[in-house]
Protein backbone atom coordinates (compact mmCIF):
# COMPACT_ATOMS: atom_id res chain seq x y z
CA MET A 1 172.46 54.13 57.87
CA ARG A 2 171.70 57.76 56.94
CA SER A 3 168.47 57.65 54.43
CA GLY A 4 168.79 61.18 53.90
CA ILE A 5 165.32 63.24 55.78
CA TRP A 6 166.36 66.56 56.21
CA LEU A 7 163.66 69.15 58.06
CA LYS A 8 162.66 70.56 54.88
CA ASP A 9 161.66 66.89 53.78
CA LEU A 10 159.45 66.98 56.57
CA ARG A 11 158.00 71.12 55.85
CA PRO A 12 155.11 69.46 54.01
CA TYR A 13 154.25 66.79 56.45
CA ILE A 14 154.57 69.07 58.83
CA VAL A 15 151.69 71.58 57.62
CA ARG A 16 149.14 68.63 56.81
CA ILE A 17 149.41 67.06 60.40
CA ARG A 18 148.87 71.25 61.99
CA ARG A 19 145.81 71.35 59.18
CA LEU A 20 144.45 68.40 60.05
CA ILE A 21 144.10 69.10 63.82
CA ARG A 22 143.09 72.30 63.09
CA ARG A 23 140.27 70.72 61.24
CA GLY A 24 140.08 68.33 64.52
CA ASN A 25 139.89 69.38 67.78
CA PRO A 26 143.47 71.74 68.36
CA ASP A 27 142.63 71.81 72.28
CA LYS A 28 142.17 68.65 72.76
CA VAL A 29 145.11 67.34 70.53
CA GLU A 30 147.76 70.27 72.90
CA GLN A 31 146.72 69.52 75.94
CA ALA A 32 147.15 65.40 75.14
CA LEU A 33 150.57 66.16 73.62
CA ILE A 34 151.51 68.12 76.80
CA THR A 35 150.23 65.75 78.95
CA LEU A 36 152.65 62.44 77.49
CA HIS A 37 155.65 65.25 77.15
CA THR A 38 154.67 66.02 81.19
CA PHE A 39 154.51 62.21 81.26
CA LEU A 40 158.20 61.57 79.81
CA GLY A 41 159.38 64.44 80.78
CA ASP A 42 158.40 63.38 84.49
CA TYR A 43 159.39 59.48 83.61
CA VAL A 44 163.04 60.64 82.51
CA ARG A 45 164.12 62.75 85.14
CA ASP A 46 163.05 60.41 87.90
CA GLU A 47 164.86 56.81 85.81
CA ILE A 48 168.28 59.35 86.16
CA VAL A 49 167.59 60.40 89.25
CA GLU A 50 166.89 56.38 90.38
CA ARG A 51 169.71 55.22 88.34
CA GLU A 52 172.71 57.40 89.76
CA SER A 53 171.50 56.52 93.38
CA ARG A 54 172.74 52.88 92.40
CA SER A 55 176.02 51.41 93.05
CA LEU A 56 175.28 49.65 89.30
CA GLN A 57 173.11 52.35 86.74
CA GLY A 58 173.20 50.31 83.68
CA PRO A 59 174.44 50.15 80.27
CA PRO A 60 175.97 53.84 79.78
CA HIS A 61 173.91 53.72 76.43
CA GLU A 62 171.08 54.26 78.60
CA MET A 63 171.83 57.09 80.36
CA GLN A 64 172.99 58.43 77.49
CA ALA A 65 169.61 58.51 75.80
CA LEU A 66 168.03 58.93 79.10
CA ARG A 67 169.78 62.74 79.18
CA VAL A 68 169.42 63.38 75.93
CA VAL A 69 165.76 62.84 75.59
CA GLY A 70 165.79 64.78 79.36
CA HIS A 71 167.53 67.73 77.82
CA VAL A 72 164.89 67.97 74.49
CA LEU A 73 161.72 67.94 75.98
CA GLU A 74 163.47 70.70 78.21
CA GLU A 75 164.70 72.38 75.34
CA ALA A 76 161.23 71.95 72.91
CA LYS A 77 157.46 72.99 72.85
CA ALA A 78 155.16 69.65 73.21
CA LEU A 79 152.98 70.37 69.88
CA ASP A 80 157.03 70.15 68.39
CA VAL A 81 157.97 67.20 69.32
CA GLY A 82 154.53 65.24 68.94
CA ILE A 83 154.30 66.88 65.23
CA THR A 84 157.88 66.09 64.67
CA LEU A 85 157.44 63.25 65.36
CA ALA A 86 154.26 62.32 64.00
CA ALA A 87 155.41 63.51 60.92
CA VAL A 88 158.03 61.46 60.42
CA TRP A 89 155.57 57.92 61.23
CA LEU A 90 153.23 59.41 57.92
CA MET A 91 156.17 60.00 55.87
CA ARG A 92 157.02 56.71 56.15
CA ALA A 93 153.27 56.04 54.74
CA HIS A 94 153.78 58.07 52.32
CA GLU A 95 157.37 57.21 51.27
CA PRO A 96 158.13 53.95 52.72
CA TRP A 97 161.11 54.04 50.15
CA ARG A 98 162.92 56.48 52.21
CA PHE A 99 162.70 53.66 54.73
CA ARG A 100 164.61 51.02 53.91
CA THR A 101 164.95 49.00 56.83
CA ASP A 102 163.02 49.57 60.47
CA GLN A 103 166.21 50.60 61.86
CA VAL A 104 166.30 52.87 59.43
CA PHE A 105 162.86 54.84 60.10
CA ARG A 106 163.98 53.84 64.08
CA PHE A 107 167.23 56.33 63.52
CA ASP A 108 165.26 59.13 61.26
CA LEU A 109 163.17 58.96 63.85
CA VAL A 110 165.72 60.21 66.62
CA ARG A 111 167.53 62.48 64.65
CA MET A 112 164.37 64.68 64.30
CA PHE A 113 163.70 64.21 68.12
CA ARG A 114 166.78 65.18 68.52
CA LYS A 115 167.24 68.28 66.03
CA LEU A 116 164.28 70.41 67.96
CA ALA A 117 167.23 71.19 70.43
CA SER A 118 170.54 72.66 70.74
CA MET A 119 172.56 69.76 71.74
CA SER A 120 172.40 67.92 68.29
CA TYR A 121 175.39 70.78 67.37
CA GLY A 122 178.55 71.33 67.75
CA SER A 123 180.56 73.92 66.45
CA TYR A 124 184.55 74.93 65.66
CA TRP A 125 186.17 77.68 64.32
CA SER A 126 187.00 76.93 60.74
CA PRO A 127 190.34 78.80 59.61
CA ALA A 128 189.37 77.32 56.25
CA LEU A 129 185.60 79.43 56.16
CA ASN A 130 187.50 81.95 58.92
CA ALA A 131 184.13 81.14 60.04
CA VAL A 132 182.37 79.02 62.93
CA HIS A 133 181.72 75.74 61.70
CA ARG A 134 178.76 73.97 63.11
CA THR A 135 178.51 70.00 62.39
CA TYR A 136 175.75 66.98 63.58
CA ARG A 137 176.70 65.48 66.61
CA GLU A 138 176.93 61.49 66.10
CA LEU A 139 175.42 58.91 69.13
CA ARG A 140 176.66 55.28 69.64
CA PRO A 141 173.72 52.90 67.62
CA ALA A 142 173.12 51.31 71.43
CA THR A 143 171.91 54.75 72.45
CA ILE A 144 169.96 56.03 69.24
CA GLU A 145 168.28 52.83 69.54
CA ALA A 146 167.04 53.00 73.59
CA ILE A 147 165.74 56.72 72.29
CA SER A 148 163.85 55.47 69.22
CA THR A 149 162.36 52.91 71.85
CA ILE A 150 161.59 55.02 74.04
CA LEU A 151 159.92 57.72 71.59
CA ILE A 152 158.25 54.70 69.51
CA GLU A 153 156.69 52.61 73.29
CA VAL A 154 155.42 56.72 74.09
CA TYR A 155 153.89 58.56 70.37
CA SER A 156 153.11 55.36 68.55
CA ARG A 157 148.92 56.00 68.77
CA PHE A 158 149.84 59.74 67.86
CA GLY A 159 151.23 58.63 65.03
CA SER A 160 148.97 56.54 63.96
CA ARG A 161 146.02 58.55 64.46
CA ILE A 162 147.86 61.07 62.15
CA ILE A 163 148.08 58.50 59.08
CA GLU A 164 144.92 57.50 59.69
CA ALA A 165 142.68 61.46 59.66
CA ASP A 166 145.42 61.70 56.36
CA ALA A 167 143.56 58.37 55.41
CA GLN A 168 139.94 59.62 55.80
CA GLU A 169 141.14 63.51 54.40
CA ARG A 170 142.50 61.69 51.64
CA ALA A 171 139.66 59.57 50.60
CA LEU A 172 136.90 62.38 51.65
CA ARG A 173 138.88 64.34 48.33
CA LYS A 174 138.65 61.23 45.99
CA GLU A 175 134.77 60.75 47.21
CA SER A 176 133.97 65.03 46.08
CA ARG A 177 136.62 64.56 43.41
CA THR A 178 134.37 61.28 41.70
CA LEU A 179 131.43 62.99 42.63
CA ILE A 180 132.20 65.75 40.41
CA ASP A 181 133.33 63.80 37.71
CA ASP A 182 130.58 61.80 38.22
CA GLY A 183 128.44 65.09 37.83
CA LEU A 184 129.52 66.81 34.86
CA ILE A 185 130.52 63.87 32.70
CA PRO A 186 127.62 62.90 30.81
CA ARG A 187 126.27 59.87 30.45
CA LEU A 188 126.08 57.95 27.04
CA ASN A 189 122.92 55.72 27.26
């Protein structure tokens, strides 16, 4: 169920979000994302330890989801995680045709999150290419759904605030163009 979202597709949205953050209060935003990152990392570590101490650890896909989230959080910076996830939300707001269903959105959200860490790729030697070939490591759909549930619960507020800030900036730009047009177009009275 791939929609074809690549990191290069997200770049314009990432640039836009970085600009919105710079125009706002970058220190507060970064501190908030660090707090979310720390909170989520602590939750994941505690949940893994708690589940491993039980005789029944729950569904295996949930444990795998917790481990994946923990690994990505260890490798990626808090600001990069927040901006990447918000970029997927912003892309969904501007290009809804890319996300035919909610499941496609969730899967792409997880794919972009996982790409922030090295564990999302595997490699093998290809005699035909005479080189090491990298390949994306797929996860089971149940694992992806569990990861997306965690990410949406933690980062959805940040994503919605970015969409609102972007809409306000676009409205200001449109208003300024209207003022310029009104000021430069002669009236026919």
